[in-house]
Protein backbone atom coordinates (compact mmCIF):
# COMPACT_ATOMS: atom_id res chain seq x y z
CA MET A 1 5.14 26.85 -6.22
CA MET A 2 8.72 25.79 -5.56
CA ASN A 3 9.53 22.84 -3.29
CA ASN A 4 12.24 23.12 -0.87
CA LYS A 5 11.53 20.54 1.48
CA THR A 6 14.40 18.38 2.37
CA TYR A 7 13.24 14.49 2.43
CA PRO A 8 14.63 11.18 3.54
CA ASN A 9 17.15 9.35 1.31
CA PRO A 10 15.29 6.43 -0.02
CA GLN A 11 17.98 3.85 -0.01
CA GLU A 12 17.97 4.38 3.65
CA PHE A 13 14.77 5.04 3.89
CA TRP A 14 13.65 1.95 2.34
CA ALA A 15 16.75 0.01 3.65
CA ASP A 16 15.47 -1.84 6.87
CA LYS A 17 11.94 -1.54 5.90
CA ARG A 18 10.07 -4.52 5.78
CA VAL A 19 6.90 -3.66 3.26
CA CYS A 20 3.78 -5.32 2.15
CA VAL A 21 1.88 -4.53 -0.83
CA THR A 22 -1.81 -5.92 -1.26
CA GLY A 23 -2.83 -5.75 -4.81
CA GLY A 24 0.76 -5.83 -5.83
CA ALA A 25 0.60 -9.25 -8.59
CA GLY A 26 -1.74 -6.77 -10.48
CA PHE A 27 -1.42 -3.95 -12.82
CA LEU A 28 -0.53 -0.96 -10.84
CA GLY A 29 1.55 -3.60 -8.24
CA SER A 30 3.86 -4.65 -11.16
CA PHE A 31 5.15 -0.99 -11.43
CA LEU A 32 5.07 0.17 -7.87
CA LEU A 33 7.60 -3.29 -7.25
CA GLU A 34 9.66 -1.94 -9.27
CA ARG A 35 9.96 1.41 -7.93
CA LEU A 36 10.79 0.23 -4.88
CA ARG A 37 13.28 -1.78 -5.56
CA GLU A 38 14.91 0.81 -7.11
CA ARG A 39 14.69 3.03 -4.34
CA GLY A 40 16.29 0.26 -1.74
CA ALA A 41 13.80 -1.60 -0.86
CA LYS A 42 14.64 -5.35 -0.36
CA ASP A 43 12.03 -7.18 2.02
CA ILE A 44 8.61 -6.67 0.31
CA PHE A 45 5.69 -9.42 0.63
CA VAL A 46 2.85 -9.24 -1.72
CA PRO A 47 0.58 -11.28 -0.64
CA LYS A 48 -1.34 -13.69 -3.31
CA ILE A 49 -5.39 -13.95 -3.53
CA GLU A 50 -5.00 -17.67 -3.86
CA GLN A 51 -3.45 -17.66 -0.44
CA TYR A 52 -5.03 -14.48 1.52
CA ASP A 53 -8.82 -14.40 0.81
CA LEU A 54 -8.61 -9.72 2.15
CA THR A 55 -12.25 -9.95 2.65
CA ASP A 56 -11.82 -12.20 5.18
CA ILE A 57 -10.90 -11.20 8.96
CA GLU A 58 -8.57 -14.47 9.70
CA ASN A 59 -6.84 -14.00 6.37
CA ILE A 60 -5.52 -10.54 7.08
CA ARG A 61 -4.27 -11.63 10.34
CA ARG A 62 -2.97 -14.56 8.91
CA MET A 63 -1.63 -12.41 6.00
CA LEU A 64 -0.01 -10.32 8.75
CA ASP A 65 1.29 -12.46 10.91
CA ASP A 66 3.42 -13.58 7.69
CA ALA A 67 4.17 -10.26 6.48
CA LYS A 68 5.20 -8.31 10.03
CA PRO A 69 5.21 -5.36 7.68
CA ASP A 70 6.43 -2.11 8.60
CA ILE A 71 4.50 -0.68 6.11
CA ILE A 72 1.85 -1.61 4.55
CA ILE A 73 0.70 0.00 0.43
CA HIS A 74 -2.58 -1.31 0.14
CA LEU A 75 -3.64 -1.26 -4.04
CA ALA A 76 -5.63 -4.00 -3.50
CA ALA A 77 -9.48 -3.62 -4.73
CA LEU A 78 -11.90 -4.87 -6.84
CA ALA A 79 -11.96 -2.44 -9.81
CA GLY A 80 -13.56 -2.36 -13.75
CA GLY A 81 -15.42 0.07 -15.94
CA ILE A 82 -18.65 1.29 -15.68
CA GLY A 83 -20.13 -2.53 -17.12
CA ALA A 84 -18.76 -4.28 -14.13
CA ASN A 85 -19.85 -1.53 -11.85
CA ARG A 86 -23.62 -1.48 -12.96
CA ALA A 87 -23.71 -5.35 -12.85
CA ARG A 88 -22.07 -5.81 -9.50
CA PRO A 89 -22.69 -2.78 -7.50
CA ALA A 90 -23.48 -5.34 -3.77
CA GLU A 91 -19.86 -6.69 -4.52
CA PHE A 92 -17.86 -3.52 -5.80
CA PHE A 93 -18.95 -2.34 -2.38
CA TYR A 94 -18.87 -4.89 0.05
CA LYS A 95 -15.42 -6.52 -1.26
CA ASN A 96 -13.61 -2.96 -1.27
CA LEU A 97 -14.81 -2.09 2.05
CA MET A 98 -14.04 -5.50 3.70
CA MET A 99 -10.35 -5.63 2.02
CA GLY A 100 -9.84 -1.76 3.91
CA VAL A 101 -11.40 -1.42 6.86
CA PRO A 102 -10.56 -4.27 8.83
CA LEU A 103 -6.60 -4.15 7.45
CA MET A 104 -5.93 -0.62 8.63
CA HIS A 105 -7.84 -2.10 12.43
CA GLU A 106 -5.65 -4.81 12.38
CA ALA A 107 -2.49 -2.55 11.19
CA TRP A 108 -3.15 0.03 14.11
CA LYS A 109 -3.65 -2.53 16.33
CA ARG A 110 0.08 -4.23 15.52
CA GLN A 111 1.03 -0.72 15.65
CA VAL A 112 2.41 -0.76 11.74
CA GLU A 113 4.47 1.87 11.37
CA LYS A 114 2.09 3.58 8.47
CA PHE A 115 -0.67 2.94 6.29
CA VAL A 116 -1.10 3.96 2.60
CA ALA A 117 -4.59 3.96 1.85
CA LEU A 118 -5.04 4.17 -2.21
CA GLY A 119 -8.67 5.72 -2.66
CA THR A 120 -10.25 6.02 -6.16
CA ILE A 121 -11.15 9.55 -8.27
CA CYS A 122 -14.93 7.63 -8.10
CA ALA A 123 -14.88 8.87 -4.79
CA TYR A 124 -15.57 12.62 -5.95
CA PRO A 125 -19.15 13.86 -6.44
CA LYS A 126 -20.66 13.82 -9.74
CA PHE A 127 -20.78 17.35 -10.24
CA THR A 128 -17.32 18.11 -8.72
CA PRO A 129 -16.00 21.41 -10.46
CA VAL A 130 -12.87 20.39 -13.00
CA PRO A 131 -10.46 19.95 -12.02
CA PHE A 132 -11.12 18.47 -8.81
CA LYS A 133 -9.87 20.03 -5.77
CA GLU A 134 -9.09 17.58 -2.73
CA GLU A 135 -11.23 19.99 -0.47
CA ASP A 136 -14.30 19.34 -2.56
CA LEU A 137 -14.61 15.93 -1.91
CA TRP A 138 -17.35 15.39 0.21
CA ASN A 139 -19.51 18.43 -2.02
CA GLY A 140 -21.81 15.52 -2.92
CA TYR A 141 -22.68 12.16 -4.15
CA PRO A 142 -20.51 10.35 -6.35
CA GLU A 143 -21.41 9.48 -9.88
CA GLU A 144 -24.37 6.57 -9.39
CA THR A 145 -22.80 3.92 -11.47
CA ASN A 146 -19.59 3.58 -9.21
CA ALA A 147 -20.88 5.45 -6.50
CA PRO A 148 -21.04 2.06 -4.28
CA TYR A 149 -16.87 1.53 -5.39
CA GLY A 150 -16.25 5.07 -4.69
CA LEU A 151 -17.91 5.07 -1.35
CA ALA A 152 -16.49 1.96 -0.03
CA LYS A 153 -12.90 3.41 -0.60
CA LYS A 154 -13.96 6.84 0.70
CA MET A 155 -14.37 5.61 3.83
CA LEU A 156 -10.49 4.27 4.55
CA LEU A 157 -9.89 8.15 4.42
CA VAL A 158 -12.64 8.26 7.60
CA GLN A 159 -10.70 5.67 8.93
CA ALA A 160 -7.38 7.21 8.23
CA GLN A 161 -7.90 10.32 9.70
CA THR A 162 -10.13 9.46 12.71
CA TYR A 163 -7.51 6.79 13.05
CA ARG A 164 -4.61 9.41 13.27
CA GLN A 165 -6.57 11.69 15.10
CA GLN A 166 -7.32 8.89 17.81
CA TYR A 167 -4.87 7.16 17.96
CA GLY A 168 -1.29 8.87 16.20
CA PHE A 169 -1.72 6.21 13.63
CA ASN A 170 0.17 7.13 10.67
CA ALA A 171 -2.50 6.38 7.70
CA ILE A 172 -2.38 8.38 4.67
CA TYR A 173 -4.86 8.83 1.61
CA LEU A 174 -4.23 8.98 -1.94
CA LEU A 175 -6.77 9.43 -5.01
CA PRO A 176 -5.26 8.05 -8.43
CA VAL A 177 -6.98 9.45 -11.47
CA ASN A 178 -7.51 6.65 -14.37
CA LEU A 179 -5.03 4.93 -14.55
CA TYR A 180 -3.28 2.91 -17.83
CA GLY A 181 -0.06 1.58 -19.57
CA PRO A 182 1.47 -1.71 -20.45
CA ARG A 183 0.04 -4.78 -18.26
CA ASP A 184 -3.36 -3.19 -18.18
CA ASN A 185 -6.56 -5.32 -17.67
CA PHE A 186 -7.75 -6.09 -21.84
CA ASN A 187 -10.38 -8.09 -20.68
CA LEU A 188 -13.70 -6.53 -21.97
CA GLU A 189 -16.42 -7.46 -19.54
CA THR A 190 -13.78 -5.56 -16.74
CA SER A 191 -11.65 -3.39 -18.14
CA HIS A 192 -11.30 0.39 -18.49
CA VAL A 193 -11.48 2.41 -21.08
CA ILE A 194 -8.26 2.63 -22.53
CA PRO A 195 -7.52 -1.02 -22.36
CA ALA A 196 -10.83 -1.34 -23.96
CA LEU A 197 -10.41 1.25 -26.88
CA ILE A 198 -6.97 -0.43 -27.78
CA ARG A 199 -8.39 -3.96 -27.90
CA LYS A 200 -11.27 -2.83 -29.96
CA CYS A 201 -9.39 -0.71 -32.51
CA VAL A 202 -6.47 -3.44 -32.78
CA GLU A 203 -9.00 -6.59 -33.45
CA ALA A 204 -11.08 -4.40 -35.97
CA GLN A 205 -8.41 -3.83 -37.60
CA GLN A 206 -7.03 -7.29 -37.53
CA ASN A 207 -10.71 -8.23 -38.62
CA GLY A 208 -11.39 -5.96 -41.48
CA ASP A 209 -14.10 -4.14 -39.63
CA ASP A 210 -15.25 -1.05 -40.55
CA HIS A 211 -16.68 0.60 -37.62
CA ILE A 212 -16.61 0.09 -33.79
CA VAL A 213 -19.74 0.50 -31.33
CA LEU A 214 -18.41 2.59 -28.45
CA TRP A 215 -21.13 3.62 -25.31
CA GLY A 216 -22.18 6.63 -24.39
CA ASP A 217 -22.30 9.82 -26.60
CA GLY A 218 -18.17 10.28 -26.32
CA THR A 219 -18.50 14.00 -24.60
CA PRO A 220 -17.19 12.82 -21.28
CA THR A 221 -14.01 14.06 -20.29
CA ARG A 222 -11.01 11.85 -18.02
CA GLY A 223 -8.05 12.63 -16.99
CA PHE A 224 -5.10 10.06 -17.09
CA LEU A 225 -2.15 9.18 -15.04
CA TYR A 226 0.68 6.30 -16.36
CA ALA A 227 1.09 3.78 -14.54
CA GLY A 228 4.73 4.11 -13.70
CA ASP A 229 3.61 7.57 -13.02
CA ALA A 230 1.30 6.66 -10.16
CA ALA A 231 4.01 4.53 -9.11
CA THR A 232 6.45 6.90 -8.35
CA GLY A 233 4.03 9.38 -6.38
CA ILE A 234 2.92 6.85 -4.47
CA VAL A 235 6.47 5.50 -3.30
CA LEU A 236 7.38 9.44 -2.58
CA ALA A 237 4.16 9.83 -0.65
CA ALA A 238 5.23 6.52 1.53
CA GLU A 239 8.67 8.23 2.00
CA ARG A 240 7.99 11.90 2.51
CA TYR A 241 4.03 12.16 3.41
CA ASN A 242 2.76 12.05 6.83
CA ASP A 243 -0.38 13.75 7.36
CA SER A 244 -3.82 13.58 7.21
CA GLU A 245 -5.52 15.36 4.27
CA PRO A 246 -6.15 13.38 1.03
CA VAL A 247 -3.76 13.75 -2.05
CA ASN A 248 -4.70 13.38 -5.68
CA LEU A 249 -2.37 11.50 -7.65
CA GLY A 250 -2.67 12.85 -11.64
CA SER A 251 -1.41 14.73 -14.57
CA GLU A 252 -2.69 18.30 -15.51
CA MET A 253 -4.27 16.48 -18.80
CA GLU A 254 -8.37 16.27 -19.60
CA ILE A 255 -9.32 14.83 -22.93
CA SER A 256 -12.75 13.80 -24.06
CA ILE A 257 -13.63 9.63 -24.47
CA LYS A 258 -14.35 10.81 -28.75
CA ASP A 259 -10.79 12.68 -29.06
CA LEU A 260 -9.59 9.41 -26.92
CA ALA A 261 -11.14 7.05 -29.14
CA ASN A 262 -9.60 9.38 -32.14
CA LEU A 263 -6.14 8.78 -31.24
CA ILE A 264 -6.28 5.13 -29.93
CA ALA A 265 -7.13 4.80 -33.82
CA LYS A 266 -4.18 6.86 -35.10
CA LEU A 267 -2.31 4.96 -33.00
CA THR A 268 -3.58 1.76 -34.18
CA GLY A 269 -3.96 2.12 -37.64
CA PHE A 270 -7.66 1.72 -37.09
CA GLU A 271 -9.30 3.66 -40.09
CA GLY A 272 -13.27 2.67 -39.51
CA GLU A 273 -15.62 4.52 -37.71
CA PHE A 274 -17.14 4.99 -34.31
CA ILE A 275 -20.38 4.31 -33.64
CA TRP A 276 -21.69 6.25 -30.15
CA ASP A 277 -24.12 3.63 -28.82
CA THR A 278 -26.37 6.65 -26.42
CA SER A 279 -28.66 4.24 -25.06
CA LYS A 280 -25.27 3.15 -22.76
CA PRO A 281 -24.83 5.70 -19.92
CA ASN A 282 -21.97 8.06 -20.28
CA GLY A 283 -20.74 8.10 -16.50
CA GLN A 284 -19.62 10.98 -14.96
CA PRO A 285 -19.86 14.09 -17.40
CA ARG A 286 -16.12 15.75 -16.29
CA ARG A 287 -13.36 14.25 -14.41
CA ALA A 288 -9.77 15.59 -14.04
CA LEU A 289 -7.64 16.61 -10.82
CA ASP A 290 -5.59 19.44 -9.42
CA VAL A 291 -2.60 18.42 -8.42
CA HIS A 292 -1.13 21.00 -6.57
CA ARG A 293 -1.31 19.37 -3.67
CA ALA A 294 1.18 16.18 -4.65
CA LYS A 295 3.72 18.43 -5.68
CA GLU A 296 3.46 20.38 -2.79
CA PHE A 297 3.26 18.20 -0.22
CA PHE A 298 6.08 15.49 -1.28
CA GLY A 299 7.46 16.79 -4.71
CA PHE A 300 5.59 14.50 -7.23
CA MET A 301 4.57 15.32 -10.63
CA ALA A 302 3.64 12.69 -13.69
CA GLN A 303 6.56 13.00 -16.41
CA THR A 304 4.86 10.83 -19.20
CA PRO A 305 3.85 12.36 -22.07
CA PHE A 306 0.36 10.97 -22.93
CA GLU A 307 0.63 9.87 -26.20
CA GLU A 308 4.16 8.15 -25.23
CA GLY A 309 2.48 6.60 -22.41
CA LEU A 310 -0.17 5.30 -25.07
CA ARG A 311 2.06 4.28 -27.21
CA ARG A 312 3.88 2.02 -25.48
CA THR A 313 0.41 0.13 -23.86
CA VAL A 314 -0.44 -0.32 -27.59
CA GLU A 315 3.09 -2.17 -28.28
CA TRP A 316 2.58 -4.12 -25.08
CA TYR A 317 -0.81 -4.91 -26.34
CA ARG A 318 0.53 -6.13 -30.17
CA GLU A 319 2.88 -8.17 -28.51
CA ASN A 320 0.76 -9.77 -25.77
CA GLN A 321 -2.59 -10.43 -27.60
CA ASP A 322 -2.28 -14.10 -27.83
CA LYS A 323 -1.82 -14.37 -24.12
CA ILE A 324 -4.82 -12.46 -23.49
CA ASN A 325 -8.67 -13.95 -23.18
């Protein structure tokens, strides 16, 4: 479908906007700040967790007093892989809910121009037909291992839609697929699958290990989006999209965990074997997104080829390995 819409000039759009990016000091946030500056944003406020605990309403209010934002882009989240979600489900539910819902409410009370809420693919039902379409979002319960996280983030969609309906508040909701790229979290206790595999393969190669043990059986599939592309999608939505429908942010690729592990082994030079621990959970059976809405609504399409993005991520990890615990 061709996109013939006319869009605002980005330099003009951002020139006089005060932008608050929660989670701006994190992985995705680092790419988002780059994109915002490239497109003309000069006044960007990034609340650091050391100064503002966004699960506390008084901290939220103080942060908004200090930021005085026209636009809020809410990236901040407590996130992690299957292991972290299984170990701390209550924390993942409470902290994500309390970071998001009161923040949007206070933003509405202060007449903030626009609120960009980031959801998660974990909000989709466990057996959503692939590729995931936004209209399937409510057709079942999420995959159990990360349902508390997914549902907490999903409440921001309900809030965005109801606040638009009742108050005319301009809140939008984006659903990014699994992200990856340089500067990702490589801590094996909390990391997602790509950084975990890269770290395990590089360390095994360096230690001369002949095998790596991985969770599950390798059959689940995932879609991935380079974090730099995700940042571009978020900025385009902030500039161009002003409606209530949730929008997927992703690419059109889908790869099994087994094939992913083999690809990362190739890119890192690990020549041993993978042993699959089938006593550990697989997580959701298949995940890949339908990405037509993002193209139609605000002209976003992923640009970074998957193997190229992985190569950049491996290089970054090798260069920074000694700084990562």
